[in-house]
mmCIF file of all heavy atoms, coordinates in Angstrom:
data_MODEL
# 
_entry.id   MODEL 
# 
loop_
_atom_site.group_PDB 
_atom_site.id 
_atom_site.type_symbol 
_atom_site.label_atom_id 
_atom_site.label_alt_id 
_atom_site.label_comp_id 
_atom_site.label_asym_id 
_atom_site.label_entity_id 
_atom_site.label_seq_id 
_atom_site.pdbx_PDB_ins_code 
_atom_site.Cartn_x 
_atom_site.Cartn_y 
_atom_site.Cartn_z 
_atom_site.occupancy 
_atom_site.B_iso_or_equiv 
_atom_site.pdbx_formal_charge 
_atom_site.auth_seq_id 
_atom_site.auth_comp_id 
_atom_site.auth_asym_id 
_atom_site.auth_atom_id 
_atom_site.pdbx_PDB_model_num 
ATOM 1   N N   . GLY A 1 1  ? -13.670 5.266  -2.733  1.00 0.00 ? 1  GLY A N   1 
ATOM 2   C CA  . GLY A 1 1  ? -12.711 4.837  -1.698  1.00 0.00 ? 1  GLY A CA  1 
ATOM 3   C C   . GLY A 1 1  ? -12.615 3.307  -1.647  1.00 0.00 ? 1  GLY A C   1 
ATOM 4   O O   . GLY A 1 1  ? -11.507 2.748  -1.488  1.00 0.00 ? 1  GLY A O   1 
ATOM 5   N N   . ILE A 1 2  ? -13.750 2.620  -1.778  1.00 0.00 ? 2  ILE A N   1 
ATOM 6   C CA  . ILE A 1 2  ? -13.729 1.142  -1.785  1.00 0.00 ? 2  ILE A CA  1 
ATOM 7   C C   . ILE A 1 2  ? -12.926 0.645  -2.984  1.00 0.00 ? 2  ILE A C   1 
ATOM 8   O O   . ILE A 1 2  ? -12.104 -0.286 -2.854  1.00 0.00 ? 2  ILE A O   1 
ATOM 9   C CB  . ILE A 1 2  ? -15.171 0.578  -1.819  1.00 0.00 ? 2  ILE A CB  1 
ATOM 10  C CG1 . ILE A 1 2  ? -15.862 0.888  -0.493  1.00 0.00 ? 2  ILE A CG1 1 
ATOM 11  C CG2 . ILE A 1 2  ? -15.178 -0.899 -2.114  1.00 0.00 ? 2  ILE A CG2 1 
ATOM 12  C CD1 . ILE A 1 2  ? -17.356 0.570  -0.491  1.00 0.00 ? 2  ILE A CD1 1 
ATOM 13  N N   . LYS A 1 3  ? -13.153 1.244  -4.124  1.00 0.00 ? 3  LYS A N   1 
ATOM 14  C CA  . LYS A 1 3  ? -12.448 0.813  -5.330  1.00 0.00 ? 3  LYS A CA  1 
ATOM 15  C C   . LYS A 1 3  ? -10.957 1.037  -5.172  1.00 0.00 ? 3  LYS A C   1 
ATOM 16  O O   . LYS A 1 3  ? -10.131 0.166  -5.525  1.00 0.00 ? 3  LYS A O   1 
ATOM 17  C CB  . LYS A 1 3  ? -12.983 1.601  -6.545  1.00 0.00 ? 3  LYS A CB  1 
ATOM 18  C CG  . LYS A 1 3  ? -12.303 1.284  -7.858  1.00 0.00 ? 3  LYS A CG  1 
ATOM 19  C CD  . LYS A 1 3  ? -12.574 -0.136 -8.278  1.00 0.00 ? 3  LYS A CD  1 
ATOM 20  C CE  . LYS A 1 3  ? -11.984 -0.352 -9.657  1.00 0.00 ? 3  LYS A CE  1 
ATOM 21  N NZ  . LYS A 1 3  ? -12.144 -1.681 -10.134 1.00 0.00 ? 3  LYS A NZ  1 
ATOM 22  N N   . GLN A 1 4  ? -10.567 2.182  -4.604  1.00 0.00 ? 4  GLN A N   1 
ATOM 23  C CA  . GLN A 1 4  ? -9.125  2.451  -4.402  1.00 0.00 ? 4  GLN A CA  1 
ATOM 24  C C   . GLN A 1 4  ? -8.502  1.497  -3.411  1.00 0.00 ? 4  GLN A C   1 
ATOM 25  O O   . GLN A 1 4  ? -7.381  0.988  -3.580  1.00 0.00 ? 4  GLN A O   1 
ATOM 26  C CB  . GLN A 1 4  ? -8.926  3.912  -3.954  1.00 0.00 ? 4  GLN A CB  1 
ATOM 27  C CG  . GLN A 1 4  ? -9.175  4.931  -5.042  1.00 0.00 ? 4  GLN A CG  1 
ATOM 28  C CD  . GLN A 1 4  ? -9.127  6.342  -4.513  1.00 0.00 ? 4  GLN A CD  1 
ATOM 29  O OE1 . GLN A 1 4  ? -9.098  6.564  -3.312  1.00 0.00 ? 4  GLN A OE1 1 
ATOM 30  N NE2 . GLN A 1 4  ? -9.115  7.308  -5.431  1.00 0.00 ? 4  GLN A NE2 1 
ATOM 31  N N   . ALA A 1 5  ? -9.233  1.193  -2.366  1.00 0.00 ? 5  ALA A N   1 
ATOM 32  C CA  . ALA A 1 5  ? -8.725  0.244  -1.352  1.00 0.00 ? 5  ALA A CA  1 
ATOM 33  C C   . ALA A 1 5  ? -8.596  -1.136 -1.953  1.00 0.00 ? 5  ALA A C   1 
ATOM 34  O O   . ALA A 1 5  ? -7.614  -1.867 -1.670  1.00 0.00 ? 5  ALA A O   1 
ATOM 35  C CB  . ALA A 1 5  ? -9.663  0.231  -0.143  1.00 0.00 ? 5  ALA A CB  1 
ATOM 36  N N   . MET A 1 6  ? -9.553  -1.553 -2.775  1.00 0.00 ? 6  MET A N   1 
ATOM 37  C CA  . MET A 1 6  ? -9.451  -2.850 -3.416  1.00 0.00 ? 6  MET A CA  1 
ATOM 38  C C   . MET A 1 6  ? -8.266  -2.901 -4.351  1.00 0.00 ? 6  MET A C   1 
ATOM 39  O O   . MET A 1 6  ? -7.547  -3.923 -4.417  1.00 0.00 ? 6  MET A O   1 
ATOM 40  C CB  . MET A 1 6  ? -10.747 -3.183 -4.165  1.00 0.00 ? 6  MET A CB  1 
ATOM 41  C CG  . MET A 1 6  ? -11.903 -3.480 -3.215  1.00 0.00 ? 6  MET A CG  1 
ATOM 42  S SD  . MET A 1 6  ? -13.501 -3.661 -4.048  1.00 0.00 ? 6  MET A SD  1 
ATOM 43  C CE  . MET A 1 6  ? -13.240 -5.067 -5.059  1.00 0.00 ? 6  MET A CE  1 
ATOM 44  N N   . ASN A 1 7  ? -8.033  -1.832 -5.082  1.00 0.00 ? 7  ASN A N   1 
ATOM 45  C CA  . ASN A 1 7  ? -6.849  -1.785 -5.969  1.00 0.00 ? 7  ASN A CA  1 
ATOM 46  C C   . ASN A 1 7  ? -5.563  -1.852 -5.169  1.00 0.00 ? 7  ASN A C   1 
ATOM 47  O O   . ASN A 1 7  ? -4.596  -2.516 -5.563  1.00 0.00 ? 7  ASN A O   1 
ATOM 48  C CB  . ASN A 1 7  ? -6.874  -0.489 -6.810  1.00 0.00 ? 7  ASN A CB  1 
ATOM 49  C CG  . ASN A 1 7  ? -7.886  -0.545 -7.910  1.00 0.00 ? 7  ASN A CG  1 
ATOM 50  O OD1 . ASN A 1 7  ? -8.348  -1.618 -8.282  1.00 0.00 ? 7  ASN A OD1 1 
ATOM 51  N ND2 . ASN A 1 7  ? -8.232  0.627  -8.434  1.00 0.00 ? 7  ASN A ND2 1 
ATOM 52  N N   . GLY A 1 8  ? -5.539  -1.161 -4.008  1.00 0.00 ? 8  GLY A N   1 
ATOM 53  C CA  . GLY A 1 8  ? -4.346  -1.213 -3.149  1.00 0.00 ? 8  GLY A CA  1 
ATOM 54  C C   . GLY A 1 8  ? -4.124  -2.609 -2.614  1.00 0.00 ? 8  GLY A C   1 
ATOM 55  O O   . GLY A 1 8  ? -2.983  -3.073 -2.504  1.00 0.00 ? 8  GLY A O   1 
ATOM 56  N N   . LEU A 1 9  ? -5.183  -3.308 -2.282  1.00 0.00 ? 9  LEU A N   1 
ATOM 57  C CA  . LEU A 1 9  ? -5.073  -4.684 -1.783  1.00 0.00 ? 9  LEU A CA  1 
ATOM 58  C C   . LEU A 1 9  ? -4.556  -5.618 -2.871  1.00 0.00 ? 9  LEU A C   1 
ATOM 59  O O   . LEU A 1 9  ? -3.678  -6.446 -2.625  1.00 0.00 ? 9  LEU A O   1 
ATOM 60  C CB  . LEU A 1 9  ? -6.450  -5.147 -1.281  1.00 0.00 ? 9  LEU A CB  1 
ATOM 61  C CG  . LEU A 1 9  ? -6.520  -6.602 -0.757  1.00 0.00 ? 9  LEU A CG  1 
ATOM 62  C CD1 . LEU A 1 9  ? -5.634  -6.779 0.459   1.00 0.00 ? 9  LEU A CD1 1 
ATOM 63  C CD2 . LEU A 1 9  ? -7.941  -6.954 -0.431  1.00 0.00 ? 9  LEU A CD2 1 
ATOM 64  N N   . VAL A 1 10 ? -5.083  -5.479 -4.063  1.00 0.00 ? 10 VAL A N   1 
ATOM 65  C CA  . VAL A 1 10 ? -4.695  -6.346 -5.178  1.00 0.00 ? 10 VAL A CA  1 
ATOM 66  C C   . VAL A 1 10 ? -3.248  -6.044 -5.564  1.00 0.00 ? 10 VAL A C   1 
ATOM 67  O O   . VAL A 1 10 ? -2.448  -6.964 -5.784  1.00 0.00 ? 10 VAL A O   1 
ATOM 68  C CB  . VAL A 1 10 ? -5.620  -6.153 -6.370  1.00 0.00 ? 10 VAL A CB  1 
ATOM 69  C CG1 . VAL A 1 10 ? -5.090  -6.822 -7.624  1.00 0.00 ? 10 VAL A CG1 1 
ATOM 70  C CG2 . VAL A 1 10 ? -7.009  -6.699 -6.036  1.00 0.00 ? 10 VAL A CG2 1 
ATOM 71  N N   . MET A 1 11 ? -2.897  -4.765 -5.656  1.00 0.00 ? 11 MET A N   1 
ATOM 72  C CA  . MET A 1 11 ? -1.561  -4.416 -6.155  1.00 0.00 ? 11 MET A CA  1 
ATOM 73  C C   . MET A 1 11 ? -0.463  -4.586 -5.124  1.00 0.00 ? 11 MET A C   1 
ATOM 74  O O   . MET A 1 11 ? 0.620   -5.025 -5.431  1.00 0.00 ? 11 MET A O   1 
ATOM 75  C CB  . MET A 1 11 ? -1.569  -2.979 -6.683  1.00 0.00 ? 11 MET A CB  1 
ATOM 76  C CG  . MET A 1 11 ? -2.457  -2.816 -7.904  1.00 0.00 ? 11 MET A CG  1 
ATOM 77  S SD  . MET A 1 11 ? -2.576  -1.129 -8.424  1.00 0.00 ? 11 MET A SD  1 
ATOM 78  C CE  . MET A 1 11 ? -1.254  -1.067 -9.568  1.00 0.00 ? 11 MET A CE  1 
ATOM 79  N N   . PHE A 1 12 ? -0.756  -4.154 -3.895  1.00 0.00 ? 12 PHE A N   1 
ATOM 80  C CA  . PHE A 1 12 ? 0.307   -4.154 -2.899  1.00 0.00 ? 12 PHE A CA  1 
ATOM 81  C C   . PHE A 1 12 ? 0.117   -5.158 -1.767  1.00 0.00 ? 12 PHE A C   1 
ATOM 82  O O   . PHE A 1 12 ? 0.984   -5.308 -0.900  1.00 0.00 ? 12 PHE A O   1 
ATOM 83  C CB  . PHE A 1 12 ? 0.440   -2.740 -2.259  1.00 0.00 ? 12 PHE A CB  1 
ATOM 84  C CG  . PHE A 1 12 ? 0.658   -1.675 -3.307  1.00 0.00 ? 12 PHE A CG  1 
ATOM 85  C CD1 . PHE A 1 12 ? -0.299  -0.725 -3.556  1.00 0.00 ? 12 PHE A CD1 1 
ATOM 86  C CD2 . PHE A 1 12 ? 1.849   -1.623 -4.025  1.00 0.00 ? 12 PHE A CD2 1 
ATOM 87  C CE1 . PHE A 1 12 ? -0.103  0.273  -4.503  1.00 0.00 ? 12 PHE A CE1 1 
ATOM 88  C CE2 . PHE A 1 12 ? 2.048   -0.636 -4.976  1.00 0.00 ? 12 PHE A CE2 1 
ATOM 89  C CZ  . PHE A 1 12 ? 1.076   0.316  -5.215  1.00 0.00 ? 12 PHE A CZ  1 
ATOM 90  N N   . GLY A 1 13 ? -1.013  -5.800 -1.742  1.00 0.00 ? 13 GLY A N   1 
ATOM 91  C CA  . GLY A 1 13 ? -1.276  -6.760 -0.655  1.00 0.00 ? 13 GLY A CA  1 
ATOM 92  C C   . GLY A 1 13 ? -1.414  -6.058 0.659   1.00 0.00 ? 13 GLY A C   1 
ATOM 93  O O   . GLY A 1 13 ? -1.014  -6.566 1.690   1.00 0.00 ? 13 GLY A O   1 
ATOM 94  N N   . ASP A 1 14 ? -1.912  -4.896 0.627   1.00 0.00 ? 14 ASP A N   1 
ATOM 95  C CA  . ASP A 1 14 ? -2.017  -4.041 1.821   1.00 0.00 ? 14 ASP A CA  1 
ATOM 96  C C   . ASP A 1 14 ? -3.038  -4.586 2.769   1.00 0.00 ? 14 ASP A C   1 
ATOM 97  O O   . ASP A 1 14 ? -4.233  -4.685 2.460   1.00 0.00 ? 14 ASP A O   1 
ATOM 98  C CB  . ASP A 1 14 ? -2.358  -2.634 1.348   1.00 0.00 ? 14 ASP A CB  1 
ATOM 99  C CG  . ASP A 1 14 ? -2.143  -1.564 2.436   1.00 0.00 ? 14 ASP A CG  1 
ATOM 100 O OD1 . ASP A 1 14 ? -1.700  -1.949 3.512   1.00 0.00 ? 14 ASP A OD1 1 
ATOM 101 O OD2 . ASP A 1 14 ? -2.405  -0.387 2.141   1.00 0.00 ? 14 ASP A OD2 1 
ATOM 102 N N   . ALA A 1 15 ? -2.647  -4.922 3.976   1.00 0.00 ? 15 ALA A N   1 
ATOM 103 C CA  . ALA A 1 15 ? -3.561  -5.470 4.991   1.00 0.00 ? 15 ALA A CA  1 
ATOM 104 C C   . ALA A 1 15 ? -4.467  -4.358 5.546   1.00 0.00 ? 15 ALA A C   1 
ATOM 105 O O   . ALA A 1 15 ? -5.601  -4.605 5.926   1.00 0.00 ? 15 ALA A O   1 
ATOM 106 C CB  . ALA A 1 15 ? -2.774  -6.114 6.140   1.00 0.00 ? 15 ALA A CB  1 
ATOM 107 N N   . LEU A 1 16 ? -3.941  -3.150 5.571   1.00 0.00 ? 16 LEU A N   1 
ATOM 108 C CA  . LEU A 1 16 ? -4.741  -2.026 6.010   1.00 0.00 ? 16 LEU A CA  1 
ATOM 109 C C   . LEU A 1 16 ? -5.932  -1.791 5.070   1.00 0.00 ? 16 LEU A C   1 
ATOM 110 O O   . LEU A 1 16 ? -7.006  -1.382 5.501   1.00 0.00 ? 16 LEU A O   1 
ATOM 111 C CB  . LEU A 1 16 ? -3.864  -0.753 6.060   1.00 0.00 ? 16 LEU A CB  1 
ATOM 112 C CG  . LEU A 1 16 ? -4.513  0.517  6.559   1.00 0.00 ? 16 LEU A CG  1 
ATOM 113 C CD1 . LEU A 1 16 ? -5.018  0.318  7.991   1.00 0.00 ? 16 LEU A CD1 1 
ATOM 114 C CD2 . LEU A 1 16 ? -3.529  1.655  6.487   1.00 0.00 ? 16 LEU A CD2 1 
ATOM 115 N N   . ALA A 1 17 ? -5.758  -2.133 3.803   1.00 0.00 ? 17 ALA A N   1 
ATOM 116 C CA  . ALA A 1 17 ? -6.809  -1.959 2.849   1.00 0.00 ? 17 ALA A CA  1 
ATOM 117 C C   . ALA A 1 17 ? -8.002  -2.863 3.175   1.00 0.00 ? 17 ALA A C   1 
ATOM 118 O O   . ALA A 1 17 ? -9.142  -2.499 2.961   1.00 0.00 ? 17 ALA A O   1 
ATOM 119 C CB  . ALA A 1 17 ? -6.299  -2.247 1.449   1.00 0.00 ? 17 ALA A CB  1 
ATOM 120 N N   . CYS A 1 18 ? -7.737  -4.071 3.732   1.00 0.00 ? 18 CYS A N   1 
ATOM 121 C CA  . CYS A 1 18 ? -8.831  -4.963 4.114   1.00 0.00 ? 18 CYS A CA  1 
ATOM 122 C C   . CYS A 1 18 ? -9.706  -4.323 5.167   1.00 0.00 ? 18 CYS A C   1 
ATOM 123 O O   . CYS A 1 18 ? -10.922 -4.401 5.121   1.00 0.00 ? 18 CYS A O   1 
ATOM 124 C CB  . CYS A 1 18 ? -8.271  -6.296 4.637   1.00 0.00 ? 18 CYS A CB  1 
ATOM 125 S SG  . CYS A 1 18 ? -7.723  -7.405 3.337   1.00 0.00 ? 18 CYS A SG  1 
ATOM 126 N N   . CYS A 1 19 ? -9.062  -3.728 6.156   1.00 0.00 ? 19 CYS A N   1 
ATOM 127 C CA  . CYS A 1 19 ? -9.848  -3.069 7.214   1.00 0.00 ? 19 CYS A CA  1 
ATOM 128 C C   . CYS A 1 19 ? -10.636 -1.898 6.648   1.00 0.00 ? 19 CYS A C   1 
ATOM 129 O O   . CYS A 1 19 ? -11.808 -1.697 7.017   1.00 0.00 ? 19 CYS A O   1 
ATOM 130 C CB  . CYS A 1 19 ? -8.901  -2.569 8.318   1.00 0.00 ? 19 CYS A CB  1 
ATOM 131 S SG  . CYS A 1 19 ? -8.070  -3.909 9.189   1.00 0.00 ? 19 CYS A SG  1 
ATOM 132 N N   . LEU A 1 20 ? -10.013 -1.151 5.759   1.00 0.00 ? 20 LEU A N   1 
ATOM 133 C CA  . LEU A 1 20 ? -10.665 0.014  5.160   1.00 0.00 ? 20 LEU A CA  1 
ATOM 134 C C   . LEU A 1 20 ? -11.870 -0.420 4.332   1.00 0.00 ? 20 LEU A C   1 
ATOM 135 O O   . LEU A 1 20 ? -12.952 0.162  4.404   1.00 0.00 ? 20 LEU A O   1 
ATOM 136 C CB  . LEU A 1 20 ? -9.688  0.806  4.302   1.00 0.00 ? 20 LEU A CB  1 
ATOM 137 C CG  . LEU A 1 20 ? -10.211 2.074  3.645   1.00 0.00 ? 20 LEU A CG  1 
ATOM 138 C CD1 . LEU A 1 20 ? -10.707 3.051  4.694   1.00 0.00 ? 20 LEU A CD1 1 
ATOM 139 C CD2 . LEU A 1 20 ? -9.158  2.702  2.777   1.00 0.00 ? 20 LEU A CD2 1 
ATOM 140 N N   . ILE A 1 21 ? -11.676 -1.494 3.569   1.00 0.00 ? 21 ILE A N   1 
ATOM 141 C CA  . ILE A 1 21 ? -12.778 -1.993 2.730   1.00 0.00 ? 21 ILE A CA  1 
ATOM 142 C C   . ILE A 1 21 ? -13.949 -2.451 3.599   1.00 0.00 ? 21 ILE A C   1 
ATOM 143 O O   . ILE A 1 21 ? -15.113 -2.121 3.321   1.00 0.00 ? 21 ILE A O   1 
ATOM 144 C CB  . ILE A 1 21 ? -12.298 -3.127 1.808   1.00 0.00 ? 21 ILE A CB  1 
ATOM 145 C CG1 . ILE A 1 21 ? -11.355 -2.575 0.759   1.00 0.00 ? 21 ILE A CG1 1 
ATOM 146 C CG2 . ILE A 1 21 ? -13.484 -3.855 1.155   1.00 0.00 ? 21 ILE A CG2 1 
ATOM 147 C CD1 . ILE A 1 21 ? -10.681 -3.641 -0.057  1.00 0.00 ? 21 ILE A CD1 1 
ATOM 148 N N   . SER A 1 22 ? -13.679 -3.155 4.649   1.00 0.00 ? 22 SER A N   1 
ATOM 149 C CA  . SER A 1 22 ? -14.771 -3.655 5.489   1.00 0.00 ? 22 SER A CA  1 
ATOM 150 C C   . SER A 1 22 ? -15.481 -2.473 6.182   1.00 0.00 ? 22 SER A C   1 
ATOM 151 O O   . SER A 1 22 ? -16.717 -2.490 6.318   1.00 0.00 ? 22 SER A O   1 
ATOM 152 C CB  . SER A 1 22 ? -14.234 -4.658 6.528   1.00 0.00 ? 22 SER A CB  1 
ATOM 153 O OG  . SER A 1 22 ? -13.317 -4.042 7.385   1.00 0.00 ? 22 SER A OG  1 
ATOM 154 N N   . MET A 1 23 ? -14.714 -1.459 6.572   1.00 0.00 ? 23 MET A N   1 
ATOM 155 C CA  . MET A 1 23 ? -15.377 -0.279 7.201   1.00 0.00 ? 23 MET A CA  1 
ATOM 156 C C   . MET A 1 23 ? -16.259 0.491  6.188   1.00 0.00 ? 23 MET A C   1 
ATOM 157 O O   . MET A 1 23 ? -17.347 0.893  6.513   1.00 0.00 ? 23 MET A O   1 
ATOM 158 C CB  . MET A 1 23 ? -14.311 0.659  7.795   1.00 0.00 ? 23 MET A CB  1 
ATOM 159 C CG  . MET A 1 23 ? -13.675 0.105  9.067   1.00 0.00 ? 23 MET A CG  1 
ATOM 160 S SD  . MET A 1 23 ? -12.393 1.136  9.856   1.00 0.00 ? 23 MET A SD  1 
ATOM 161 C CE  . MET A 1 23 ? -12.325 2.611  9.012   1.00 0.00 ? 23 MET A CE  1 
ATOM 162 N N   . LEU A 1 24 ? -15.739 0.626  4.977   1.00 0.00 ? 24 LEU A N   1 
ATOM 163 C CA  . LEU A 1 24 ? -16.492 1.334  3.970   1.00 0.00 ? 24 LEU A CA  1 
ATOM 164 C C   . LEU A 1 24 ? -17.767 0.571  3.582   1.00 0.00 ? 24 LEU A C   1 
ATOM 165 O O   . LEU A 1 24 ? -18.835 1.154  3.441   1.00 0.00 ? 24 LEU A O   1 
ATOM 166 C CB  . LEU A 1 24 ? -15.636 1.578  2.740   1.00 0.00 ? 24 LEU A CB  1 
ATOM 167 C CG  . LEU A 1 24 ? -14.560 2.648  2.874   1.00 0.00 ? 24 LEU A CG  1 
ATOM 168 C CD1 . LEU A 1 24 ? -13.665 2.673  1.651   1.00 0.00 ? 24 LEU A CD1 1 
ATOM 169 C CD2 . LEU A 1 24 ? -15.185 4.002  3.081   1.00 0.00 ? 24 LEU A CD2 1 
# 
């Protein structure tokens, strides 16, 4: 899940991914 969120952040600039990564 962390890896997928990091990929989402890098590819789409998803701000929600930052919150998800920190929670994970």
